[in-house]
């Protein structure tokens, strides 16, 4: 079908033109201490970036900032990264790879640390291979790692080196912080942020909490009706191929989408139970046992509840609109009155049972409320018989309305 070529064409155009995150007003500080206002491409880095992209003016050329020539960059109270050179623990926290060594394995590194809280006491963060590490600074002192390490006491018992409690208790003294506060402090982002914030409040220190602007996960529930253009062929062993005419049918889905809480909401996963139908018929000339040519009318009815499960990537134009691409595996979870029948030839009275397929889509979303998508389903078998080959594929235009 010529319509199949439409999806990859739209997809390439969208990726070409809009494959970037918004540039936010921000600043950077060079090695010589010069502070420059600029526009930074906010990637909502999960760990510690070594480079970032910025522009000196909104319509200026794109430049690359590196850890070698930039000592700090950020955007208001949205995010901030500071360069630090210090000893960092190299130990793993993967249970199967733990050792019996209690002390951390330190090695000097230069990295960008993500600021979580800044004040008289400050808290910083990085993440590598899903291992979270926290760092702190008191007044104008140097940034140090808060030491937390799991190790093997025996082959079946895990111990914890929780030196971070002693580090904080030694440095951060305040009448409102009791001994039990340090003893019960967990090595978790929310707990440490609250602790440092409470200490700064106790000291009447001006505090910036960058985690207030961290993105939270979102949930969308979208009604998605549409029109599907479908085609089918069947070929019984020894017979000619039967190509049914393209059919235009309806589809209606209810999509539950979970927007992941990182990378500025550019990634999500979804599931979309969908009703769709296909009906067509075709006259077919065959030869019976007496070598007499006969004609039979073969009709196909295919109604199904499909279950696409997949992922989606958004490419934002601005805060209210975005292009997106998605991919999913599509399974039929329920067959209703689907069947194939022939007017006078029992050999074509067959049960319909579809295989799984893949779906690829490209679309546009406006104000996180309205959407339009073009989606292509790869060819799949519609008849599960050893002596019958079949191919069913479809292309759909889908509109959406998000209730949440």
Protein backbone atom coordinates (compact mmCIF):
# COMPACT_ATOMS: atom_id res chain seq x y z
CA UNK A 1 0.00 0.00 0.00
CA UNK A 2 1.23 3.49 -0.80
CA UNK A 3 -0.11 4.59 2.55
CA UNK A 4 2.60 2.49 4.22
CA UNK A 5 5.20 4.95 2.96
CA UNK A 6 3.50 7.83 4.76
CA UNK A 7 4.54 6.80 8.27
CA UNK A 8 8.33 6.57 7.76
CA UNK A 9 8.25 9.83 5.79
CA UNK A 10 6.48 11.69 8.60
CA UNK A 11 8.73 10.03 11.16
CA UNK A 12 11.94 11.15 9.48
CA UNK A 13 10.67 14.71 9.09
CA UNK A 14 9.67 14.89 12.74
CA UNK A 15 12.98 13.49 13.97
CA UNK A 16 14.92 15.84 11.71
CA UNK A 17 13.13 18.99 12.72
CA UNK A 18 12.20 18.54 16.33
CA UNK A 19 14.59 16.08 18.01
CA UNK A 20 15.65 18.44 20.79
CA UNK A 21 14.66 19.46 24.28
CA UNK A 22 13.85 23.09 25.05
CA UNK A 23 16.72 25.47 25.76
CA UNK A 24 16.18 27.15 29.13
CA UNK A 25 17.60 30.49 30.28
CA UNK A 26 20.61 29.76 32.43
CA UNK A 27 24.26 30.52 33.06
CA UNK A 28 27.70 28.97 32.99
CA UNK A 29 30.94 29.77 34.78
CA UNK A 30 34.25 29.30 32.96
CA UNK A 31 37.49 28.13 34.54
CA UNK A 32 38.63 31.74 34.98
CA UNK A 33 35.49 32.56 36.99
CA UNK A 34 33.68 34.46 34.24
CA UNK A 35 29.90 34.02 34.51
CA UNK A 36 27.96 34.10 31.24
CA UNK A 37 24.20 34.13 30.73
CA UNK A 38 23.08 31.65 28.11
CA UNK A 39 20.40 29.15 27.09
CA UNK A 40 21.05 25.57 28.19
CA UNK A 41 19.53 22.44 26.67
CA UNK A 42 18.01 20.79 29.74
CA UNK A 43 18.47 17.03 29.40
CA UNK A 44 17.43 16.34 33.01
CA UNK A 45 20.55 14.22 33.37
CA UNK A 46 20.07 11.17 35.60
CA UNK A 47 23.78 11.00 36.47
CA UNK A 48 26.73 13.32 36.03
CA UNK A 49 27.11 14.71 32.51
CA UNK A 50 30.56 15.36 31.09
CA UNK A 51 29.23 17.73 28.42
CA UNK A 52 26.16 19.87 27.80
CA UNK A 53 24.79 21.96 24.94
CA UNK A 54 24.11 25.70 25.19
CA UNK A 55 23.55 28.85 23.12
CA UNK A 56 24.65 32.37 24.00
CA UNK A 57 21.44 33.75 22.49
CA UNK A 58 18.12 32.11 21.61
CA UNK A 59 18.83 32.20 17.87
CA UNK A 60 22.59 31.76 18.16
CA UNK A 61 24.65 28.74 17.13
CA UNK A 62 24.82 25.70 19.42
CA UNK A 63 27.96 25.33 21.52
CA UNK A 64 29.34 22.46 23.59
CA UNK A 65 30.34 22.94 27.21
CA UNK A 66 32.69 20.34 28.70
CA UNK A 67 33.88 19.44 32.16
CA UNK A 68 37.35 20.67 31.15
CA UNK A 69 36.36 24.29 30.50
CA UNK A 70 33.20 24.79 32.61
CA UNK A 71 33.24 24.77 36.41
CA UNK A 72 29.52 25.31 36.96
CA UNK A 73 26.26 25.63 35.00
CA UNK A 74 22.60 25.89 35.89
CA UNK A 75 19.19 27.45 35.37
CA UNK A 76 17.71 29.45 38.25
CA UNK A 77 16.34 27.08 40.88
CA UNK A 78 15.53 24.46 38.24
CA UNK A 79 18.92 22.72 38.19
CA UNK A 80 22.57 23.31 38.97
CA UNK A 81 25.75 21.29 38.39
CA UNK A 82 29.11 22.05 39.98
CA UNK A 83 32.47 20.58 39.03
CA UNK A 84 34.37 18.90 41.82
CA UNK A 85 37.63 16.97 42.06
CA UNK A 86 37.70 14.57 45.00
CA UNK A 87 38.04 10.97 46.11
CA UNK A 88 34.97 8.95 45.12
CA UNK A 89 34.09 5.43 46.21
CA UNK A 90 34.36 2.90 43.37
CA UNK A 91 32.66 0.03 45.25
CA UNK A 92 29.68 -1.75 43.76
CA UNK A 93 26.30 -2.00 45.46
CA UNK A 94 25.12 -4.97 43.40
CA UNK A 95 24.35 -7.76 45.88
CA UNK A 96 25.90 -10.54 43.79
CA UNK A 97 29.14 -8.56 43.47
CA UNK A 98 29.61 -7.44 47.08
CA UNK A 99 32.94 -8.20 48.79
CA UNK A 100 33.95 -8.62 52.42
CA UNK A 101 35.85 -5.30 52.37
CA UNK A 102 34.16 -2.85 54.75
CA UNK A 103 36.03 0.31 53.77
CA UNK A 104 35.27 2.19 50.54
CA UNK A 105 37.61 1.97 47.56
CA UNK A 106 38.47 5.62 46.89
CA UNK A 107 39.81 7.08 43.68
CA UNK A 108 40.26 10.72 42.68
CA UNK A 109 37.89 11.88 39.94
CA UNK A 110 36.61 15.11 38.42
CA UNK A 111 32.86 15.11 37.83
CA UNK A 112 29.82 17.37 37.64
CA UNK A 113 27.68 16.95 40.75
CA UNK A 114 23.97 17.73 40.79
CA UNK A 115 23.01 20.24 43.49
CA UNK A 116 20.04 19.14 45.61
CA UNK A 117 20.21 21.64 48.48
CA UNK A 118 22.45 24.68 48.96
CA UNK A 119 22.85 26.78 52.09
CA UNK A 120 25.17 26.76 55.10
CA UNK A 121 25.12 23.01 54.52
CA UNK A 122 24.78 21.77 50.95
CA UNK A 123 23.91 18.40 49.46
CA UNK A 124 24.98 17.05 46.06
CA UNK A 125 24.27 13.89 44.12
CA UNK A 126 25.36 11.61 41.30
CA UNK A 127 24.25 8.24 40.01
CA UNK A 128 26.21 5.57 38.17
CA UNK A 129 24.91 2.18 37.08
CA UNK A 130 21.91 2.70 39.38
CA UNK A 131 24.23 3.32 42.37
CA UNK A 132 23.29 6.58 44.12
CA UNK A 133 26.01 8.54 45.90
CA UNK A 134 25.59 11.71 47.95
CA UNK A 135 28.06 14.46 48.82
CA UNK A 136 27.97 17.36 51.25
CA UNK A 137 29.69 20.65 51.93
CA UNK A 138 29.71 22.73 55.12
CA UNK A 139 30.08 26.52 54.82
CA UNK A 140 33.00 27.28 52.50
CA UNK A 141 34.66 23.89 52.94
CA UNK A 142 35.37 21.31 50.28
CA UNK A 143 32.77 18.89 48.93
CA UNK A 144 33.11 15.41 50.43
CA UNK A 145 31.38 12.14 49.74
CA UNK A 146 28.97 10.83 52.36
CA UNK A 147 30.22 7.29 52.85
CA UNK A 148 27.75 4.43 52.66
CA UNK A 149 28.81 0.97 51.61
CA UNK A 150 27.29 -2.50 51.80
CA UNK A 151 29.64 -5.46 52.26
CA UNK A 152 29.55 -9.15 53.15
CA UNK A 153 29.87 -10.06 56.81
CA UNK A 154 29.43 -13.71 55.92
CA UNK A 155 28.40 -15.40 52.68
CA UNK A 156 24.76 -14.97 53.70
CA UNK A 157 24.82 -11.75 55.74
CA UNK A 158 25.20 -8.19 54.46
CA UNK A 159 26.69 -5.47 56.63
CA UNK A 160 26.56 -1.68 56.18
CA UNK A 161 29.28 0.90 56.56
CA UNK A 162 27.23 3.99 57.53
CA UNK A 163 30.02 6.46 58.13
CA UNK A 164 27.86 9.24 56.64
CA UNK A 165 25.97 9.45 59.96
CA UNK A 166 29.19 10.20 61.84
CA UNK A 167 30.33 12.66 59.16
CA UNK A 168 27.14 14.68 59.51
CA UNK A 169 26.95 14.41 63.31
CA UNK A 170 30.52 15.69 63.64
CA UNK A 171 29.99 18.70 61.37
CA UNK A 172 26.36 19.73 61.64
CA UNK A 173 25.63 20.60 65.24
CA UNK A 174 22.29 22.19 66.09
CA UNK A 175 20.12 22.09 69.21
CA UNK A 176 17.10 20.88 67.26
CA UNK A 177 18.94 17.85 65.87
CA UNK A 178 18.95 15.05 68.40
CA UNK A 179 21.33 12.10 68.48
CA UNK A 180 18.49 9.82 67.33
CA UNK A 181 18.05 12.03 64.25
CA UNK A 182 21.50 11.02 63.02
CA UNK A 183 21.14 7.39 64.10
CA UNK A 184 17.89 6.94 62.17
CA UNK A 185 18.92 8.92 59.07
CA UNK A 186 18.58 6.81 55.92
CA UNK A 187 20.88 7.08 52.90
CA UNK A 188 18.06 8.18 50.62
CA UNK A 189 17.55 11.35 48.59
CA UNK A 190 14.32 12.48 50.27
CA UNK A 191 15.63 11.78 53.78
CA UNK A 192 18.97 13.55 53.24
CA UNK A 193 17.30 16.54 51.54
CA UNK A 194 14.94 16.93 54.50
CA UNK A 195 17.80 16.58 56.97
CA UNK A 196 20.03 19.21 55.32
CA UNK A 197 17.04 21.54 54.89
CA UNK A 198 16.13 21.19 58.57
CA UNK A 199 19.72 21.93 59.61
CA UNK A 200 19.79 25.09 57.47
CA UNK A 201 16.46 26.19 58.96
CA UNK A 202 17.88 25.62 62.42
CA UNK A 203 20.83 27.89 61.53
CA UNK A 204 18.54 30.47 59.88
CA UNK A 205 20.47 29.91 56.66
CA UNK A 206 19.02 30.91 53.32
CA UNK A 207 18.36 27.65 51.47
CA UNK A 208 17.75 26.67 47.85
CA UNK A 209 16.11 23.28 47.38
CA UNK A 210 16.51 22.25 43.74
CA UNK A 211 14.50 19.07 44.23
CA UNK A 212 11.33 21.17 44.46
CA UNK A 213 11.56 21.46 40.70
CA UNK A 214 12.29 17.82 40.01
CA UNK A 215 9.80 16.30 37.63
CA UNK A 216 7.22 13.97 39.09
CA UNK A 217 5.77 11.00 37.23
CA UNK A 218 2.55 11.67 35.34
CA UNK A 219 -0.34 9.46 34.38
CA UNK A 220 -2.48 10.07 31.29
CA UNK A 221 -5.76 8.35 30.41
CA UNK A 222 -6.69 9.00 26.80
CA UNK A 223 -9.70 8.03 24.70
CA UNK A 224 -8.39 7.22 21.20
CA UNK A 225 -10.91 6.59 18.41
CA UNK A 226 -9.72 6.32 14.84
CA UNK A 227 -10.02 4.97 11.33
CA UNK A 228 -8.04 1.91 10.22
CA UNK A 229 -7.17 0.99 6.63
CA UNK A 230 -6.58 -2.76 6.47
CA UNK A 231 -5.76 -5.36 3.84
CA UNK A 232 -5.65 -9.15 3.81
CA UNK A 233 -4.46 -11.95 1.59
CA UNK A 234 -4.82 -15.71 2.00
CA UNK A 235 -3.29 -18.57 0.05
CA UNK A 236 -4.29 -22.15 0.58
CA UNK A 237 -1.73 -24.81 -0.37
CA UNK A 238 -2.20 -25.58 -4.06
CA UNK A 239 -4.54 -22.62 -4.70
CA UNK A 240 -3.90 -19.14 -6.03
CA UNK A 241 -3.43 -16.21 -3.66
CA UNK A 242 -6.62 -14.34 -2.80
CA UNK A 243 -6.14 -10.61 -2.28
CA UNK A 244 -9.06 -8.98 -0.52
CA UNK A 245 -9.88 -5.34 -1.17
CA UNK A 246 -8.61 -2.75 1.28
CA UNK A 247 -11.12 -2.15 4.02
CA UNK A 248 -11.83 0.97 6.04
CA UNK A 249 -12.93 0.16 9.58
CA UNK A 250 -13.17 1.76 12.98
CA UNK A 251 -10.93 1.36 15.99
CA UNK A 252 -11.41 2.76 19.48
CA UNK A 253 -8.91 2.50 22.31
CA UNK A 254 -8.44 3.64 25.89
CA UNK A 255 -4.76 4.33 26.54
CA UNK A 256 -3.15 4.38 29.98
CA UNK A 257 0.23 6.17 29.75
CA UNK A 258 2.87 6.55 32.46
CA UNK A 259 5.29 9.43 31.82
CA UNK A 260 8.66 8.57 33.36
CA UNK A 261 10.03 11.06 35.93
CA UNK A 262 13.30 11.95 34.19
CA UNK A 263 14.68 13.50 31.00
CA UNK A 264 11.99 16.23 31.13
CA UNK A 265 9.15 13.81 30.54
CA UNK A 266 10.39 12.81 27.11
CA UNK A 267 9.82 9.07 27.71
CA UNK A 268 6.71 7.11 28.63
CA UNK A 269 5.26 3.61 28.58
CA UNK A 270 1.68 2.81 27.64
CA UNK A 271 -0.94 0.11 27.28
CA UNK A 272 -4.02 0.59 25.11
CA UNK A 273 -6.88 -1.96 24.98
CA UNK A 274 -8.38 -1.39 21.54
CA UNK A 275 -11.45 -2.61 19.69
CA UNK A 276 -11.10 -2.82 15.92
CA UNK A 277 -12.97 -4.50 13.09
CA UNK A 278 -12.30 -5.68 9.54
CA UNK A 279 -14.88 -7.02 7.08
CA UNK A 280 -14.36 -7.92 3.43
CA UNK A 281 -15.39 -10.42 0.78
CA UNK A 282 -13.98 -11.74 -2.45
CA UNK A 283 -15.18 -13.98 -5.27
CA UNK A 284 -12.79 -16.84 -5.90
CA UNK A 285 -12.74 -19.26 -8.82
CA UNK A 286 -11.61 -22.79 -7.99
CA UNK A 287 -11.60 -26.23 -9.57
CA UNK A 288 -13.42 -29.05 -7.80
CA UNK A 289 -12.62 -32.77 -7.99
CA UNK A 290 -14.43 -33.09 -11.30
CA UNK A 291 -12.16 -30.44 -12.88
CA UNK A 292 -15.15 -28.12 -13.16
CA UNK A 293 -14.52 -24.47 -12.47
CA UNK A 294 -16.75 -22.99 -9.79
CA UNK A 295 -16.99 -19.63 -8.05
CA UNK A 296 -17.37 -19.14 -4.33
CA UNK A 297 -17.84 -15.96 -2.33
CA UNK A 298 -15.39 -15.84 0.58
CA UNK A 299 -16.25 -13.41 3.38
CA UNK A 300 -14.04 -12.43 6.31
CA UNK A 301 -15.15 -10.92 9.61
CA UNK A 302 -12.39 -10.00 12.04
CA UNK A 303 -13.35 -8.27 15.28
CA UNK A 304 -10.84 -8.13 18.07
CA UNK A 305 -9.69 -6.54 21.29
CA UNK A 306 -6.03 -5.72 20.73
CA UNK A 307 -3.54 -4.92 23.46
CA UNK A 308 -0.63 -2.72 22.34
CA UNK A 309 2.09 -2.45 25.02
CA UNK A 310 4.97 -0.14 24.25
CA UNK A 311 7.03 2.99 24.77
CA UNK A 312 6.87 6.57 23.49
CA UNK A 313 9.39 9.38 23.00
CA UNK A 314 8.33 13.04 22.93
CA UNK A 315 10.12 15.82 21.05
CA UNK A 316 8.95 19.12 22.50
CA UNK A 317 8.43 22.22 20.38
CA UNK A 318 7.43 24.30 23.40
CA UNK A 319 5.66 23.77 26.71
CA UNK A 320 2.28 23.13 25.09
CA UNK A 321 3.07 21.05 22.00
CA UNK A 322 5.23 18.09 21.04
CA UNK A 323 5.79 15.55 18.32
CA UNK A 324 6.16 11.94 19.42
CA UNK A 325 7.16 8.53 18.11
CA UNK A 326 6.16 5.24 19.64
CA UNK A 327 6.58 1.50 19.22
CA UNK A 328 4.60 -1.39 20.69
CA UNK A 329 4.02 -5.10 20.54
CA UNK A 330 0.37 -5.83 19.73
CA UNK A 331 -1.42 -8.92 20.98
CA UNK A 332 -5.00 -10.08 20.42
CA UNK A 333 -6.40 -10.85 23.85
CA UNK A 334 -9.96 -11.63 22.79
CA UNK A 335 -11.56 -12.88 19.57
CA UNK A 336 -15.29 -12.35 19.25
CA UNK A 337 -17.40 -13.35 16.23
CA UNK A 338 -14.39 -13.48 13.92
CA UNK A 339 -14.57 -16.05 11.11
CA UNK A 340 -14.01 -16.82 7.43
CA UNK A 341 -16.81 -18.40 5.42
CA UNK A 342 -17.38 -19.38 1.80
CA UNK A 343 -20.70 -19.63 0.02
CA UNK A 344 -20.25 -23.15 -1.37
CA UNK A 345 -16.75 -24.35 -0.56
CA UNK A 346 -16.19 -25.79 2.91
CA UNK A 347 -12.42 -25.68 2.50
CA UNK A 348 -12.58 -21.93 3.14
CA UNK A 349 -14.71 -22.10 6.27
CA UNK A 350 -11.87 -21.24 8.67
CA UNK A 351 -11.39 -19.88 12.18
CA UNK A 352 -9.64 -16.56 12.59
CA UNK A 353 -6.80 -16.42 15.12
CA UNK A 354 -4.26 -13.62 14.76
CA UNK A 355 -0.59 -13.67 15.71
CA UNK A 356 1.11 -10.82 17.55
CA UNK A 357 2.38 -7.86 15.55
CA UNK A 358 4.51 -4.77 16.00
CA UNK A 359 3.20 -1.21 15.76
CA UNK A 360 5.12 1.95 14.88
CA UNK A 361 3.58 5.39 15.22
CA UNK A 362 4.27 9.09 14.89
CA UNK A 363 2.04 11.85 16.15
CA UNK A 364 1.49 15.28 17.64
CA UNK A 365 0.22 16.26 21.10
CA UNK A 366 -1.16 19.68 22.06
CA UNK A 367 -1.53 20.97 25.65
CA UNK A 368 -1.22 17.39 26.91
CA UNK A 369 -4.91 17.12 26.02
CA UNK A 370 -5.36 16.54 22.32
CA UNK A 371 -3.39 14.25 20.04
CA UNK A 372 -3.26 12.95 16.50
CA UNK A 373 -1.29 9.87 15.49
CA UNK A 374 -0.55 7.80 12.40
CA UNK A 375 0.25 4.19 13.31
CA UNK A 376 1.31 1.21 11.18
CA UNK A 377 0.95 -2.44 12.19
CA UNK A 378 3.33 -4.94 10.65
CA UNK A 379 1.98 -7.90 8.69
CA UNK A 380 0.73 -10.83 10.76
CA UNK A 381 -0.87 -14.20 10.23
CA UNK A 382 -4.64 -14.13 10.62
CA UNK A 383 -5.27 -17.86 10.11
CA UNK A 384 -3.50 -20.48 12.21
CA UNK A 385 -3.38 -23.43 9.77
CA UNK A 386 -0.34 -25.31 8.46
CA UNK A 387 -1.66 -25.40 4.88
CA UNK A 388 -2.85 -21.79 4.75
CA UNK A 389 -0.69 -18.68 4.47
CA UNK A 390 -2.21 -15.31 5.32
CA UNK A 391 -1.09 -11.73 5.75
CA UNK A 392 -3.01 -8.97 7.51
CA UNK A 393 -1.68 -5.46 7.92
CA UNK A 394 -3.18 -2.10 8.73
CA UNK A 395 -2.55 1.61 8.98
CA UNK A 396 -4.60 3.86 11.27
CA UNK A 397 -5.22 7.53 11.90
CA UNK A 398 -6.01 8.08 15.58
CA UNK A 399 -7.28 11.11 17.48
CA UNK A 400 -6.97 11.33 21.24
CA UNK A 401 -8.44 13.21 24.18
CA UNK A 402 -6.68 13.01 27.56
CA UNK A 403 -9.04 13.00 30.54
CA UNK A 404 -6.33 13.54 33.18
